[in-house]
């Protein structure tokens, strides 16, 4: 397993087991948040294009 610790002001501090576990969970949540953010952007782009298509159809009908 990779050595896990924290570098603060140029000094390396090793973490105890509980801190390591929390750090791993935090990193995982951070990665999930990033993925969700990307998905959200894609969905917003699709939603915007659908709204534009609806507006075009409504303009043609009137």
C-alpha atoms as a PDB file:
ATOM      1  CA  UNK A   1       0.000   0.000   0.000  1.00  0.00           C
ATOM      2  CA  UNK A   2       1.114   3.508  -0.755  1.00  0.00           C
ATOM      3  CA  UNK A   3       2.580   5.522   2.105  1.00  0.00           C
ATOM      4  CA  UNK A   4       0.022   8.075   3.242  1.00  0.00           C
ATOM      5  CA  UNK A   5       0.931  11.180   5.155  1.00  0.00           C
ATOM      6  CA  UNK A   6       0.681  14.924   5.108  1.00  0.00           C
ATOM      7  CA  UNK A   7       3.232  17.517   4.119  1.00  0.00           C
ATOM      8  CA  UNK A   8       2.862  20.724   6.096  1.00  0.00           C
ATOM      9  CA  UNK A   9       5.298  23.596   5.580  1.00  0.00           C
ATOM     10  CA  UNK A  10       7.841  21.255   4.005  1.00  0.00           C
ATOM     11  CA  UNK A  11       7.737  18.644   6.780  1.00  0.00           C
ATOM     12  CA  UNK A  12       6.236  15.178   6.341  1.00  0.00           C
ATOM     13  CA  UNK A  13       3.928  13.929   9.069  1.00  0.00           C
ATOM     14  CA  UNK A  14       2.757  10.329   9.155  1.00  0.00           C
ATOM     15  CA  UNK A  15      -0.879   9.726   9.990  1.00  0.00           C
ATOM     16  CA  UNK A  16      -2.432   7.225  12.354  1.00  0.00           C
ATOM     17  CA  UNK A  17      -4.814   4.577  11.006  1.00  0.00           C
ATOM     18  CA  UNK A  18      -7.971   6.588  11.704  1.00  0.00           C
ATOM     19  CA  UNK A  19      -6.563   9.676   9.997  1.00  0.00           C
ATOM     20  CA  UNK A  20      -5.458   7.590   6.999  1.00  0.00           C
ATOM     21  CA  UNK A  21      -8.939   6.126   6.660  1.00  0.00           C
ATOM     22  CA  UNK A  22     -10.531   9.577   6.821  1.00  0.00           C
ATOM     23  CA  UNK A  23      -8.079  10.913   4.242  1.00  0.00           C
ATOM     24  CA  UNK A  24      -8.856   8.048   1.859  1.00  0.00           C
ATOM     25  CA  UNK A  25     -12.608   8.611   2.277  1.00  0.00           C
ATOM     26  CA  UNK A  26     -12.180  12.366   1.767  1.00  0.00           C
ATOM     27  CA  UNK A  27     -10.181  11.826  -1.437  1.00  0.00           C
ATOM     28  CA  UNK A  28     -12.813   9.403  -2.717  1.00  0.00           C
ATOM     29  CA  UNK A  29     -15.623  11.864  -1.999  1.00  0.00           C
ATOM     30  CA  UNK A  30     -13.658  14.622  -3.697  1.00  0.00           C
ATOM     31  CA  UNK A  31     -13.273  12.448  -6.818  1.00  0.00           C
ATOM     32  CA  UNK A  32     -16.999  11.615  -6.794  1.00  0.00           C
ATOM     33  CA  UNK A  33     -17.852  15.305  -6.504  1.00  0.00           C
ATOM     34  CA  UNK A  34     -15.680  16.065  -9.516  1.00  0.00           C
ATOM     35  CA  UNK A  35     -17.389  13.337 -11.569  1.00  0.00           C
ATOM     36  CA  UNK A  36     -20.836  14.594 -10.579  1.00  0.00           C
ATOM     37  CA  UNK A  37     -19.856  18.132 -11.510  1.00  0.00           C
ATOM     38  CA  UNK A  38     -18.845  16.971 -14.994  1.00  0.00           C
ATOM     39  CA  UNK A  39     -22.117  15.038 -15.387  1.00  0.00           C
ATOM     40  CA  UNK A  40     -24.082  18.067 -14.230  1.00  0.00           C
ATOM     41  CA  UNK A  41     -22.410  20.271 -16.836  1.00  0.00           C
ATOM     42  CA  UNK A  42     -23.248  17.759 -19.577  1.00  0.00           C
ATOM     43  CA  UNK A  43     -26.873  17.546 -18.438  1.00  0.00           C
ATOM     44  CA  UNK A  44     -27.167  21.337 -18.320  1.00  0.00           C
ATOM     45  CA  UNK A  45     -25.820  21.589 -21.876  1.00  0.00           C
ATOM     46  CA  UNK A  46     -28.337  18.978 -23.078  1.00  0.00           C
ATOM     47  CA  UNK A  47     -31.161  20.712 -21.218  1.00  0.00           C
ATOM     48  CA  UNK A  48     -30.239  24.043 -22.779  1.00  0.00           C
ATOM     49  CA  UNK A  49     -30.265  22.559 -26.289  1.00  0.00           C
ATOM     50  CA  UNK A  50     -33.682  20.982 -25.648  1.00  0.00           C
ATOM     51  CA  UNK A  51     -35.039  24.339 -24.456  1.00  0.00           C
ATOM     52  CA  UNK A  52     -33.701  26.010 -27.600  1.00  0.00           C
ATOM     53  CA  UNK A  53     -35.345  23.370 -29.813  1.00  0.00           C
ATOM     54  CA  UNK A  54     -38.664  23.874 -28.008  1.00  0.00           C
ATOM     55  CA  UNK A  55     -38.421  27.640 -28.531  1.00  0.00           C
ATOM     56  CA  UNK A  56     -37.731  27.157 -32.242  1.00  0.00           C
ATOM     57  CA  UNK A  57     -40.727  24.826 -32.596  1.00  0.00           C
ATOM     58  CA  UNK A  58     -42.966  27.292 -30.727  1.00  0.00           C
ATOM     59  CA  UNK A  59     -41.821  30.138 -32.983  1.00  0.00           C
ATOM     60  CA  UNK A  60     -42.579  28.099 -36.100  1.00  0.00           C
ATOM     61  CA  UNK A  61     -46.063  27.260 -34.816  1.00  0.00           C
ATOM     62  CA  UNK A  62     -47.018  30.855 -34.089  1.00  0.00           C
END
